[in-house]
């Protein structure tokens, strides 16, 4: 065992092995449920445009209908995973079990963060790709129409060619996703029960407040007697994108740090 009290790769691997050996059935059920939901979405979009016989039109409409539902599912799945990342800390027995693990607090936090943030996103992406391919096979076998799959490379790196207003559209969605998910990660260590529901309603209220402030600032920029012209920051689309991207990244990182600090406290608070 490593003498490093902060991080050890061998201890992280032991945590992973322990989790897989104890929760492999739960993980398989989660993956199967996610894939099933995405497959239902894909098949339903195929039935929705089945009246079109032109393969090109069918492909375009299926992808157009499918993507919004995939994005909504991504947000729901990601936020649900984040809100249950530290569920074991909700009870004294679970907190004691977590406390007794032979690993540092940082390793316990990092492992849960990897599972609920990057790994959850990669899992969703793989399931989305599989569901999209199964849609193509289903349409070809059941309807006799050869349709195309989603061009993921074009969608991610050249969003404008995929029908969006800008090439940064996919990156904006991803930044919003990780920022939103980070709030649910914080909620998983703040609330003792109903993590997802409480975080959702809290964010709903906060969004209404900040939305009202944003509308007020926007109106202020367009009142000629108070403000003449938009500030230089709002004149350039690239500058706006990078400013928003940096802001959302900072918010996400701050929430991750806040979650870690709260996790360290909760190990002591819930010890009894």
Protein backbone atom coordinates (compact mmCIF):
# COMPACT_ATOMS: atom_id res chain seq x y z
CA UNK A 1 0.00 0.00 0.00
CA UNK A 2 1.29 3.45 -0.91
CA UNK A 3 2.33 5.81 1.89
CA UNK A 4 0.91 8.77 -0.02
CA UNK A 5 -2.00 9.96 2.10
CA UNK A 6 -3.57 12.13 -0.64
CA UNK A 7 -3.63 10.11 -3.85
CA UNK A 8 -2.51 6.65 -4.86
CA UNK A 9 -3.33 4.98 -8.15
CA UNK A 10 -3.26 1.54 -6.55
CA UNK A 11 -5.87 2.58 -3.99
CA UNK A 12 -8.02 4.06 -6.76
CA UNK A 13 -7.86 0.73 -8.61
CA UNK A 14 -8.85 -1.08 -5.43
CA UNK A 15 -11.83 1.26 -5.03
CA UNK A 16 -12.84 0.54 -8.62
CA UNK A 17 -12.50 -3.23 -8.13
CA UNK A 18 -14.54 -3.08 -4.93
CA UNK A 19 -17.30 -1.04 -6.56
CA UNK A 20 -17.51 -3.33 -9.59
CA UNK A 21 -17.60 -6.47 -7.47
CA UNK A 22 -20.36 -5.14 -5.18
CA UNK A 23 -22.50 -3.12 -7.60
CA UNK A 24 -22.03 -4.75 -10.98
CA UNK A 25 -25.71 -5.76 -11.18
CA UNK A 26 -26.81 -2.21 -10.41
CA UNK A 27 -24.47 -0.85 -13.07
CA UNK A 28 -25.78 -3.29 -15.67
CA UNK A 29 -29.37 -2.37 -14.86
CA UNK A 30 -28.54 1.34 -15.18
CA UNK A 31 -26.83 0.83 -18.54
CA UNK A 32 -29.66 -1.36 -19.81
CA UNK A 33 -32.30 1.16 -18.68
CA UNK A 34 -30.47 4.06 -20.32
CA UNK A 35 -29.98 2.17 -23.58
CA UNK A 36 -33.63 1.08 -23.55
CA UNK A 37 -34.88 4.64 -23.07
CA UNK A 38 -32.70 5.98 -25.88
CA UNK A 39 -33.74 3.11 -28.14
CA UNK A 40 -37.42 3.85 -27.49
CA UNK A 41 -36.79 7.52 -28.37
CA UNK A 42 -35.00 6.53 -31.58
CA UNK A 43 -37.71 4.07 -32.65
CA UNK A 44 -40.53 6.51 -31.84
CA UNK A 45 -38.90 9.18 -34.02
CA UNK A 46 -38.67 6.59 -36.81
CA UNK A 47 -42.40 5.85 -36.56
CA UNK A 48 -43.16 9.57 -36.44
CA UNK A 49 -41.72 10.16 -39.92
CA UNK A 50 -42.62 6.79 -41.40
CA UNK A 51 -45.04 8.46 -43.85
CA UNK A 52 -42.08 9.91 -45.78
CA UNK A 53 -40.67 7.54 -48.37
CA UNK A 54 -37.72 9.65 -49.44
CA UNK A 55 -34.62 8.30 -47.62
CA UNK A 56 -32.91 11.70 -47.45
CA UNK A 57 -35.99 13.39 -46.02
CA UNK A 58 -36.50 10.54 -43.54
CA UNK A 59 -32.90 10.74 -42.36
CA UNK A 60 -33.08 14.50 -41.87
CA UNK A 61 -36.40 14.43 -40.00
CA UNK A 62 -35.44 11.48 -37.79
CA UNK A 63 -32.21 13.13 -36.73
CA UNK A 64 -33.97 16.47 -36.24
CA UNK A 65 -36.58 14.90 -33.95
CA UNK A 66 -34.15 12.53 -32.25
CA UNK A 67 -31.45 14.96 -31.15
CA UNK A 68 -33.59 17.21 -28.89
CA UNK A 69 -34.88 14.16 -27.00
CA UNK A 70 -31.33 12.84 -26.71
CA UNK A 71 -30.18 16.18 -25.27
CA UNK A 72 -33.03 16.25 -22.73
CA UNK A 73 -32.20 12.66 -21.77
CA UNK A 74 -28.53 13.60 -21.38
CA UNK A 75 -29.38 16.38 -18.94
CA UNK A 76 -31.78 14.19 -16.96
CA UNK A 77 -29.43 11.20 -16.80
CA UNK A 78 -26.36 13.30 -16.00
CA UNK A 79 -28.08 15.27 -13.26
CA UNK A 80 -29.60 12.11 -11.79
CA UNK A 81 -26.19 10.44 -11.69
CA UNK A 82 -24.64 13.50 -10.06
CA UNK A 83 -27.41 13.79 -7.46
CA UNK A 84 -26.81 10.19 -6.34
CA UNK A 85 -23.00 10.36 -6.34
CA UNK A 86 -22.79 10.72 -2.55
CA UNK A 87 -26.06 9.04 -1.65
CA UNK A 88 -24.24 6.67 0.71
CA UNK A 89 -23.48 9.66 2.96
CA UNK A 90 -27.17 10.23 3.69
CA UNK A 91 -27.34 7.67 6.48
CA UNK A 92 -25.06 7.10 9.47
CA UNK A 93 -24.42 3.49 8.38
CA UNK A 94 -23.53 4.55 4.84
CA UNK A 95 -21.32 7.37 6.08
CA UNK A 96 -19.54 5.01 8.46
CA UNK A 97 -19.00 2.47 5.68
CA UNK A 98 -17.55 5.18 3.45
CA UNK A 99 -15.41 6.49 6.28
CA UNK A 100 -13.95 3.03 6.93
CA UNK A 101 -12.72 2.56 3.37
CA UNK A 102 -8.89 2.40 3.28
CA UNK A 103 -8.55 5.41 0.99
CA UNK A 104 -8.07 9.14 1.37
CA UNK A 105 -10.97 11.56 1.24
CA UNK A 106 -9.68 12.97 -2.03
CA UNK A 107 -9.59 9.49 -3.60
CA UNK A 108 -13.15 8.76 -2.47
CA UNK A 109 -14.32 12.07 -3.90
CA UNK A 110 -12.35 11.69 -7.14
CA UNK A 111 -13.70 8.19 -7.74
CA UNK A 112 -17.31 9.36 -7.33
CA UNK A 113 -16.63 12.40 -9.52
CA UNK A 114 -15.18 10.22 -12.30
CA UNK A 115 -18.19 7.88 -12.15
CA UNK A 116 -20.86 10.59 -12.09
CA UNK A 117 -19.35 13.21 -14.44
CA UNK A 118 -16.96 12.12 -17.25
CA UNK A 119 -17.80 8.41 -17.17
CA UNK A 120 -21.55 9.09 -17.07
CA UNK A 121 -21.22 11.34 -20.10
CA UNK A 122 -19.14 8.79 -22.03
CA UNK A 123 -21.63 6.07 -21.12
CA UNK A 124 -24.51 8.16 -22.40
CA UNK A 125 -22.64 8.95 -25.62
CA UNK A 126 -21.92 5.26 -26.29
CA UNK A 127 -25.55 4.33 -25.60
CA UNK A 128 -26.75 7.16 -27.87
CA UNK A 129 -24.52 5.93 -30.71
CA UNK A 130 -25.76 2.35 -30.27
CA UNK A 131 -29.40 3.46 -30.13
CA UNK A 132 -28.94 5.53 -33.27
CA UNK A 133 -27.39 2.59 -35.14
CA UNK A 134 -30.21 0.31 -33.99
CA UNK A 135 -32.69 2.88 -35.32
CA UNK A 136 -31.07 2.65 -38.74
CA UNK A 137 -31.20 -1.15 -38.68
CA UNK A 138 -34.82 -1.10 -37.52
CA UNK A 139 -35.92 1.32 -40.25
CA UNK A 140 -34.07 -0.69 -42.90
CA UNK A 141 -35.51 -4.02 -41.70
CA UNK A 142 -39.06 -2.95 -40.78
CA UNK A 143 -39.76 -0.10 -43.23
CA UNK A 144 -37.37 -0.96 -46.04
CA UNK A 145 -35.88 2.56 -46.08
CA UNK A 146 -32.14 3.15 -46.02
CA UNK A 147 -31.50 6.07 -43.68
CA UNK A 148 -28.27 7.47 -42.30
CA UNK A 149 -26.97 7.68 -38.76
CA UNK A 150 -26.09 10.88 -36.95
CA UNK A 151 -22.77 12.28 -38.13
CA UNK A 152 -21.32 12.74 -34.64
CA UNK A 153 -18.07 14.25 -35.90
CA UNK A 154 -19.89 16.93 -37.85
CA UNK A 155 -22.33 17.50 -35.00
CA UNK A 156 -19.59 18.06 -32.42
CA UNK A 157 -16.88 19.83 -34.41
CA UNK A 158 -18.84 21.44 -37.27
CA UNK A 159 -22.26 22.17 -35.82
CA UNK A 160 -23.01 24.81 -38.45
CA UNK A 161 -22.80 22.18 -41.20
CA UNK A 162 -25.21 20.03 -39.17
CA UNK A 163 -27.88 22.73 -39.24
CA UNK A 164 -27.05 24.83 -36.18
CA UNK A 165 -26.40 28.57 -36.16
CA UNK A 166 -22.77 28.25 -35.13
CA UNK A 167 -19.97 25.67 -34.95
CA UNK A 168 -19.85 26.22 -31.19
CA UNK A 169 -23.44 25.06 -30.61
CA UNK A 170 -22.49 21.57 -29.41
CA UNK A 171 -19.78 22.92 -27.13
CA UNK A 172 -22.21 25.40 -25.62
CA UNK A 173 -24.65 22.58 -24.88
CA UNK A 174 -21.87 20.53 -23.26
CA UNK A 175 -20.72 23.47 -21.13
CA UNK A 176 -24.27 24.10 -19.98
CA UNK A 177 -24.65 20.40 -19.23
CA UNK A 178 -21.52 20.14 -17.07
CA UNK A 179 -22.33 23.40 -15.28
CA UNK A 180 -25.90 22.27 -14.55
CA UNK A 181 -24.70 18.84 -13.46
CA UNK A 182 -22.18 20.40 -11.08
CA UNK A 183 -25.02 21.98 -9.10
CA UNK A 184 -26.65 18.58 -8.68
CA UNK A 185 -23.30 17.20 -7.54
CA UNK A 186 -23.24 19.84 -4.81
CA UNK A 187 -26.82 18.96 -3.93
CA UNK A 188 -25.85 15.33 -3.41
CA UNK A 189 -23.76 16.31 -0.35
CA UNK A 190 -25.93 19.19 0.86
CA UNK A 191 -29.32 17.47 1.14
CA UNK A 192 -29.92 14.43 3.33
CA UNK A 193 -32.91 13.16 1.31
CA UNK A 194 -34.48 13.68 -2.13
CA UNK A 195 -31.26 15.10 -3.58
CA UNK A 196 -32.50 15.40 -7.18
CA UNK A 197 -35.89 16.95 -6.38
CA UNK A 198 -34.58 19.49 -3.88
CA UNK A 199 -31.71 20.55 -6.12
CA UNK A 200 -34.04 20.85 -9.11
CA UNK A 201 -36.47 23.18 -7.34
CA UNK A 202 -33.64 25.19 -5.80
CA UNK A 203 -32.07 25.70 -9.22
CA UNK A 204 -35.48 26.56 -10.68
CA UNK A 205 -35.92 29.41 -8.19
CA UNK A 206 -32.34 30.61 -8.64
CA UNK A 207 -32.70 30.51 -12.43
CA UNK A 208 -35.84 32.66 -12.23
CA UNK A 209 -34.04 35.23 -10.10
CA UNK A 210 -30.92 35.35 -12.27
CA UNK A 211 -33.04 35.32 -15.42
CA UNK A 212 -34.90 38.39 -14.23
CA UNK A 213 -31.59 40.13 -13.49
CA UNK A 214 -30.27 39.17 -16.94
CA UNK A 215 -33.38 40.60 -18.64
CA UNK A 216 -32.99 43.81 -16.65
CA UNK A 217 -29.32 44.14 -17.70
CA UNK A 218 -30.23 43.41 -21.33
CA UNK A 219 -32.91 46.10 -21.28
CA UNK A 220 -30.45 48.51 -19.70
CA UNK A 221 -28.03 48.02 -22.59
CA UNK A 222 -30.75 49.04 -25.05
CA UNK A 223 -31.90 52.23 -23.34
CA UNK A 224 -30.35 55.07 -25.26
CA UNK A 225 -30.74 57.55 -22.43
CA UNK A 226 -28.75 55.32 -20.08
CA UNK A 227 -26.39 53.41 -22.33
CA UNK A 228 -25.16 54.17 -25.83
CA UNK A 229 -24.45 51.01 -27.80
CA UNK A 230 -23.48 47.54 -26.67
CA UNK A 231 -20.19 47.09 -24.82
CA UNK A 232 -17.26 45.77 -26.89
CA UNK A 233 -17.66 42.39 -25.20
CA UNK A 234 -21.06 41.86 -26.85
CA UNK A 235 -20.00 42.94 -30.34
CA UNK A 236 -17.91 39.87 -31.19
CA UNK A 237 -19.48 36.39 -31.25
CA UNK A 238 -16.18 34.68 -30.57
CA UNK A 239 -15.47 36.92 -27.58
CA UNK A 240 -18.95 36.27 -26.21
CA UNK A 241 -18.50 32.51 -26.60
CA UNK A 242 -15.13 32.39 -24.84
CA UNK A 243 -16.35 34.70 -22.08
CA UNK A 244 -19.39 32.51 -21.45
CA UNK A 245 -17.29 29.33 -21.75
CA UNK A 246 -14.77 30.56 -19.18
CA UNK A 247 -17.56 31.67 -16.85
CA UNK A 248 -19.34 28.31 -17.00
CA UNK A 249 -16.06 26.42 -16.58
CA UNK A 250 -15.18 28.46 -13.50
CA UNK A 251 -18.65 27.86 -12.03
CA UNK A 252 -18.33 24.10 -12.65
CA UNK A 253 -14.86 23.92 -11.08
CA UNK A 254 -16.02 25.98 -8.11
CA UNK A 255 -18.95 23.61 -7.58
CA UNK A 256 -16.60 20.60 -7.75
CA UNK A 257 -14.38 22.22 -5.11
CA UNK A 258 -17.41 23.06 -2.98
CA UNK A 259 -18.58 19.45 -3.24
CA UNK A 260 -15.19 18.15 -2.12
CA UNK A 261 -15.04 20.50 0.85
CA UNK A 262 -18.59 19.59 1.88
CA UNK A 263 -17.78 15.89 1.45
CA UNK A 264 -14.86 16.22 3.85
CA UNK A 265 -17.14 17.86 6.40
CA UNK A 266 -19.95 15.33 5.97
CA UNK A 267 -17.63 12.42 6.71
CA UNK A 268 -17.19 13.93 10.17
CA UNK A 269 -20.73 15.23 10.65
CA UNK A 270 -22.42 11.95 9.68
CA UNK A 271 -19.95 9.78 11.57
CA UNK A 272 -22.48 9.21 14.34
